Amino acid sequence: MSRYRDALVEAMTLMAEQPASIFLGQSVLYPGHIMFSTIEHIPASKRLELPVMEDAQMGMSLGLALVGYHPVVSIYPRMDFLILALNQLVNHLDKAEVMSQGQFKPKVLIRTMVGSTYPLYPGPQHCQDHTAALKLMLTNVDVVRLERAEEIVPAYQKALASPRSTILVEAPRKRQGYEDEP
């Protein structure tokens, strides 16, 4: 096991310990991508499996946050697929507090990763890094890039303590999945 993966397991355990937490996305109940191995130990009652419907998933995350779930950990296995949720992310989650004149302050933690190009190149639509673009588009959602294992747990702790939503981008220095050591 890598230190990067171990840190993710620790961060997901921290999120799961929150009484009103919920994890939703694809392959959160069943294996299907590398992120599953970091949440499989979390009780199934805290995981909501969804079909491939990225925009609806972000809308559901926003709705769950509005009715008291905290944190909502919305999992997008590839950052490339998070862009399919930009309508809900940019026009709704990011603007909810402003649109409601401060009445609603939904908080969602969005977990995504820059797809690995090792051992096989998955194609250009599966390994793009949109971190900089998201930082330009979002005014009320923080965007954090996680390159090293030692950044992961503190970043999740900070996101948990923050009143704002946060996108946590897994981008290990080494492109071999969750390996982060030279």
Protein backbone atom coordinates (compact mmCIF):
# COMPACT_ATOMS: atom_id res chain seq x y z
CA MET A 1 0.00 0.00 0.00
CA SER A 2 1.22 3.48 -0.72
CA ARG A 3 1.39 6.31 1.75
CA TYR A 4 -0.89 8.31 -0.58
CA ARG A 5 -3.61 5.65 -0.47
CA ASP A 6 -3.19 5.22 3.31
CA ALA A 7 -3.69 8.96 3.79
CA LEU A 8 -6.85 8.83 1.66
CA VAL A 9 -8.22 5.95 3.74
CA GLU A 10 -7.53 7.99 6.88
CA ALA A 11 -9.23 11.08 5.40
CA MET A 12 -12.29 9.07 4.29
CA THR A 13 -12.52 7.52 7.76
CA LEU A 14 -12.50 11.04 9.24
CA MET A 15 -15.34 12.03 6.92
CA ALA A 16 -17.31 8.87 7.74
CA GLU A 17 -17.04 9.58 11.47
CA GLN A 18 -19.17 12.70 11.02
CA PRO A 19 -22.71 11.77 12.12
CA ALA A 20 -24.53 13.24 9.10
CA SER A 21 -21.99 12.29 6.44
CA ILE A 22 -22.79 10.58 3.17
CA PHE A 23 -20.68 9.47 0.21
CA LEU A 24 -22.22 9.34 -3.23
CA GLY A 25 -21.10 8.61 -6.75
CA GLN A 26 -20.19 5.75 -9.05
CA SER A 27 -18.53 2.68 -7.56
CA VAL A 28 -18.99 3.74 -3.95
CA LEU A 29 -20.81 0.52 -2.99
CA TYR A 30 -19.22 -1.77 -5.57
CA PRO A 31 -15.68 -1.96 -6.96
CA GLY A 32 -15.15 -0.19 -10.24
CA HIS A 33 -12.35 2.34 -9.84
CA ILE A 34 -9.29 2.95 -7.69
CA MET A 35 -11.13 5.27 -5.27
CA PHE A 36 -13.31 2.37 -4.09
CA SER A 37 -10.38 0.86 -2.18
CA THR A 38 -10.26 3.97 0.01
CA ILE A 39 -13.92 3.84 1.06
CA GLU A 40 -14.81 0.14 1.08
CA HIS A 41 -14.39 0.05 4.88
CA ILE A 42 -17.06 2.74 5.37
CA PRO A 43 -20.49 1.40 6.38
CA ALA A 44 -22.72 0.79 3.35
CA SER A 45 -25.43 2.87 5.03
CA LYS A 46 -23.23 5.94 4.46
CA ARG A 47 -22.65 5.21 0.75
CA LEU A 48 -25.12 5.95 -2.02
CA GLU A 49 -24.37 4.27 -5.37
CA LEU A 50 -25.37 6.29 -8.43
CA PRO A 51 -25.41 5.58 -12.15
CA VAL A 52 -23.34 7.68 -14.52
CA MET A 53 -25.15 11.04 -14.24
CA GLU A 54 -22.58 13.60 -13.18
CA ASP A 55 -24.77 16.74 -13.36
CA ALA A 56 -27.60 15.06 -11.43
CA GLN A 57 -25.07 13.78 -8.87
CA MET A 58 -23.88 17.34 -8.17
CA GLY A 59 -27.49 18.48 -7.93
CA MET A 60 -28.24 15.67 -5.48
CA SER A 61 -25.14 16.62 -3.47
CA LEU A 62 -26.35 20.19 -3.25
CA GLY A 63 -29.83 19.04 -2.22
CA LEU A 64 -28.47 16.70 0.44
CA ALA A 65 -26.32 19.52 1.84
CA LEU A 66 -29.38 21.78 1.98
CA VAL A 67 -31.32 19.25 4.08
CA GLY A 68 -28.60 18.70 6.65
CA TYR A 69 -26.16 16.07 5.41
CA HIS A 70 -22.64 17.09 6.28
CA PRO A 71 -20.25 16.45 4.83
CA VAL A 72 -21.54 15.31 1.52
CA VAL A 73 -18.58 13.64 -0.18
CA SER A 74 -19.44 13.63 -3.86
CA ILE A 75 -17.00 11.33 -5.66
CA TYR A 76 -15.99 11.83 -9.29
CA PRO A 77 -13.39 9.17 -10.23
CA ARG A 78 -12.00 11.28 -13.07
CA MET A 79 -11.75 15.06 -13.16
CA ASP A 80 -12.74 14.83 -16.83
CA PHE A 81 -16.21 13.71 -15.73
CA LEU A 82 -16.55 16.45 -13.14
CA ILE A 83 -16.77 18.94 -15.99
CA LEU A 84 -20.12 17.31 -16.87
CA ALA A 85 -21.38 18.66 -13.53
CA LEU A 86 -20.25 22.26 -14.10
CA ASN A 87 -23.80 23.58 -14.44
CA GLN A 88 -24.70 22.48 -10.91
CA LEU A 89 -21.24 23.30 -9.56
CA VAL A 90 -20.72 26.77 -11.06
CA ASN A 91 -24.30 28.03 -11.37
CA HIS A 92 -25.84 26.52 -8.25
CA LEU A 93 -23.48 25.25 -5.53
CA ASP A 94 -21.05 28.13 -6.00
CA LYS A 95 -23.84 30.74 -6.09
CA ALA A 96 -26.40 29.32 -3.62
CA GLU A 97 -25.44 31.63 -0.76
CA VAL A 98 -25.53 34.72 -2.99
CA MET A 99 -28.78 33.70 -4.72
CA SER A 100 -30.49 33.08 -1.36
CA GLN A 101 -29.10 36.29 0.18
CA GLY A 102 -27.22 34.24 2.76
CA GLN A 103 -30.17 32.06 3.74
CA PHE A 104 -28.59 28.87 2.35
CA LYS A 105 -24.93 27.91 2.70
CA PRO A 106 -24.68 24.36 1.37
CA LYS A 107 -21.40 22.60 1.93
CA VAL A 108 -20.24 19.77 -0.31
CA LEU A 109 -16.83 18.13 -0.39
CA ILE A 110 -16.08 17.00 -3.92
CA ARG A 111 -13.46 14.33 -4.37
CA THR A 112 -11.95 13.86 -7.80
CA MET A 113 -8.70 12.77 -9.35
CA VAL A 114 -6.55 13.45 -12.37
CA GLY A 115 -6.57 10.15 -14.21
CA SER A 116 -3.39 8.13 -14.35
CA THR A 117 -1.60 7.52 -17.63
CA TYR A 118 0.15 4.43 -16.25
CA PRO A 119 0.28 1.55 -17.05
CA LEU A 120 -1.87 2.38 -20.08
CA TYR A 121 -2.75 5.72 -21.62
CA PRO A 122 -6.54 6.04 -21.23
CA GLY A 123 -6.98 8.70 -23.89
CA PRO A 124 -7.08 12.48 -23.60
CA GLN A 125 -10.59 12.58 -22.14
CA HIS A 126 -9.60 10.52 -19.08
CA CYS A 127 -6.47 12.22 -17.71
CA GLN A 128 -6.94 15.98 -17.95
CA ASP A 129 -6.25 18.35 -15.07
CA HIS A 130 -8.83 21.14 -14.81
CA THR A 131 -7.65 22.47 -11.43
CA ALA A 132 -6.60 25.90 -12.72
CA ALA A 133 -9.80 26.34 -14.74
CA LEU A 134 -11.97 25.48 -11.72
CA LYS A 135 -10.10 28.00 -9.59
CA LEU A 136 -10.92 30.67 -12.18
CA MET A 137 -14.61 29.73 -12.41
CA LEU A 138 -15.46 29.33 -8.74
CA THR A 139 -15.74 32.18 -6.26
CA ASN A 140 -17.27 30.43 -3.24
CA VAL A 141 -15.88 26.90 -3.60
CA ASP A 142 -12.27 26.17 -2.67
CA VAL A 143 -10.14 24.01 -4.97
CA VAL A 144 -7.25 22.07 -3.41
CA ARG A 145 -4.73 19.97 -5.33
CA LEU A 146 -3.31 17.02 -3.36
CA GLU A 147 0.07 15.99 -4.73
CA ARG A 148 1.69 14.46 -1.64
CA ALA A 149 0.41 12.06 1.00
CA GLU A 150 1.15 14.43 3.87
CA GLU A 151 -1.21 17.05 2.35
CA ILE A 152 -4.29 14.83 2.31
CA VAL A 153 -5.53 14.55 5.91
CA PRO A 154 -4.82 18.23 6.75
CA ALA A 155 -6.64 19.30 3.58
CA TYR A 156 -9.70 17.24 4.50
CA GLN A 157 -9.59 18.54 8.09
CA LYS A 158 -9.47 22.10 6.77
CA ALA A 159 -12.32 21.40 4.33
CA LEU A 160 -14.36 19.88 7.13
CA ALA A 161 -13.80 22.94 9.36
CA SER A 162 -14.48 25.44 6.58
CA PRO A 163 -17.97 26.84 6.00
CA ARG A 164 -17.33 26.60 2.24
CA SER A 165 -17.56 23.75 -0.21
CA THR A 166 -14.25 22.29 -1.36
CA ILE A 167 -13.03 20.32 -4.37
CA LEU A 168 -10.15 18.02 -3.40
CA VAL A 169 -8.16 16.99 -6.47
CA GLU A 170 -6.02 13.86 -6.16
CA ALA A 171 -2.98 14.32 -8.35
CA PRO A 172 -0.13 12.17 -7.04
CA ARG A 173 3.30 13.33 -8.15
CA LYS A 174 4.00 9.96 -9.69
CA ARG A 175 1.47 8.99 -12.35
CA GLN A 176 1.19 5.39 -11.16
CA GLY A 177 -2.16 5.47 -9.41
CA TYR A 178 -1.77 6.27 -5.73
CA GLU A 179 1.98 5.78 -5.53
CA ASP A 180 3.64 8.99 -4.43
CA GLU A 181 7.16 7.94 -3.60
CA PRO A 182 10.16 8.26 -5.90
